[in-house]
Amino acid sequence: RVRAGRRHVQVRLVEPVAGSLNSGDCFLLITPKHCFMWSGEFANVIEKAKTSEMASFIQAKRDMGCKAPQVSTLEEGINTDSRWAKEFWTLLGGKTKY
């Protein structure tokens, strides 16, 4: 989870389940085949920029065992029926309330 405070951005490891998401933060979901960046509806520009930077680094350096060919960017409430969105929710154990 990536969250911005008044002075700095916090990055925390959270459980990869839908219940870990919230509309005010950004999240990365890293698997051997995927690098997903999910932005909550109320995440701010600083959080989104830091998350994008981290996702690009992980994907480019193949860090954390990630061999994804690109970063898949998802925004809460937008293109929710896309192939990538469906895969994201499947990896989180299904789309449930968060």
Protein backbone atom coordinates (compact mmCIF):
# COMPACT_ATOMS: atom_id res chain seq x y z
CA ARG A 1 0.00 0.00 0.00
CA VAL A 2 1.28 3.47 -0.86
CA ARG A 3 -0.04 6.37 1.21
CA ALA A 4 1.04 10.02 1.37
CA GLY A 5 1.24 11.87 4.64
CA ARG A 6 1.91 15.57 5.06
CA ARG A 7 5.65 15.21 4.60
CA HIS A 8 6.38 11.86 2.99
CA VAL A 9 4.96 8.82 1.25
CA GLN A 10 4.54 5.60 3.25
CA VAL A 11 4.93 2.21 1.61
CA ARG A 12 3.69 -0.86 3.46
CA LEU A 13 3.38 -4.54 2.69
CA VAL A 14 -0.21 -5.75 3.01
CA GLU A 15 -1.95 -9.06 2.45
CA PRO A 16 -2.84 -9.62 -1.25
CA VAL A 17 -6.62 -9.72 -0.75
CA ALA A 18 -9.38 -7.31 -1.78
CA GLY A 19 -9.94 -6.36 1.87
CA SER A 20 -6.49 -4.70 1.94
CA LEU A 21 -7.57 -2.13 -0.67
CA ASN A 22 -9.14 1.23 0.08
CA SER A 23 -10.23 4.15 -2.08
CA GLY A 24 -7.71 6.59 -0.61
CA ASP A 25 -4.49 4.75 -1.44
CA CYS A 26 -2.60 3.03 -4.24
CA PHE A 27 -1.51 -0.59 -4.33
CA LEU A 28 0.93 -2.78 -6.25
CA LEU A 29 0.19 -6.45 -6.89
CA ILE A 30 3.34 -8.26 -7.98
CA THR A 31 3.37 -11.84 -9.31
CA PRO A 32 5.84 -13.68 -11.54
CA LYS A 33 3.67 -12.80 -14.58
CA HIS A 34 2.03 -9.50 -13.59
CA CYS A 35 2.82 -6.08 -12.19
CA PHE A 36 -0.46 -4.34 -11.38
CA MET A 37 -0.76 -0.76 -10.17
CA TRP A 38 -4.20 -0.04 -8.67
CA SER A 39 -5.18 3.51 -7.71
CA GLY A 40 -8.10 4.21 -5.43
CA GLU A 41 -10.60 6.87 -6.45
CA PHE A 42 -9.33 9.32 -3.82
CA ALA A 43 -5.58 8.62 -4.07
CA ASN A 44 -3.61 11.80 -4.62
CA VAL A 45 -1.09 12.63 -7.33
CA ILE A 46 1.91 12.08 -5.02
CA GLU A 47 0.74 8.56 -4.13
CA LYS A 48 0.09 7.73 -7.77
CA ALA A 49 3.52 9.02 -8.84
CA LYS A 50 5.37 7.02 -6.18
CA THR A 51 3.41 3.87 -6.98
CA SER A 52 4.12 4.28 -10.69
CA GLU A 53 7.82 4.80 -9.94
CA MET A 54 7.97 1.67 -7.79
CA ALA A 55 6.05 -0.43 -10.33
CA SER A 56 8.31 0.68 -13.18
CA PHE A 57 11.43 -0.14 -11.14
CA ILE A 58 10.16 -3.61 -10.15
CA GLN A 59 9.12 -4.41 -13.73
CA ALA A 60 12.30 -3.07 -15.37
CA LYS A 61 14.70 -4.71 -12.88
CA ARG A 62 12.65 -7.90 -12.67
CA ASP A 63 12.69 -7.44 -8.93
CA MET A 64 10.64 -9.62 -6.53
CA GLY A 65 10.58 -12.40 -9.13
CA CYS A 66 8.41 -10.31 -11.47
CA LYS A 67 8.86 -11.07 -15.16
CA ALA A 68 5.85 -9.06 -16.36
CA PRO A 69 6.35 -7.49 -19.81
CA GLN A 70 4.63 -4.25 -18.68
CA VAL A 71 2.94 -2.53 -15.75
CA SER A 72 -0.84 -2.86 -15.90
CA THR A 73 -2.47 0.28 -14.51
CA LEU A 74 -5.94 0.05 -13.01
CA GLU A 75 -8.05 2.86 -11.57
CA GLU A 76 -10.92 2.24 -9.20
CA GLY A 77 -14.24 2.37 -11.06
CA ILE A 78 -12.68 2.70 -14.55
CA ASN A 79 -12.55 -0.14 -17.12
CA THR A 80 -13.63 -2.60 -14.45
CA ASP A 81 -14.51 -5.23 -17.08
CA SER A 82 -11.13 -5.21 -18.81
CA ARG A 83 -9.08 -8.38 -19.08
CA TRP A 84 -6.47 -6.92 -16.72
CA ALA A 85 -9.06 -5.90 -14.13
CA LYS A 86 -10.56 -9.39 -14.16
CA GLU A 87 -7.11 -10.95 -13.70
CA PHE A 88 -6.30 -8.51 -10.86
CA TRP A 89 -9.46 -9.41 -8.95
CA THR A 90 -8.95 -13.13 -9.57
CA LEU A 91 -5.43 -12.91 -8.09
CA LEU A 92 -6.88 -11.16 -5.01
CA GLY A 93 -9.34 -14.01 -4.49
CA GLY A 94 -12.32 -12.31 -6.11
CA LYS A 95 -13.86 -8.84 -6.04
CA THR A 96 -15.28 -8.33 -2.60
CA LYS A 97 -16.11 -5.34 -0.44
CA TYR A 98 -13.08 -3.32 0.68
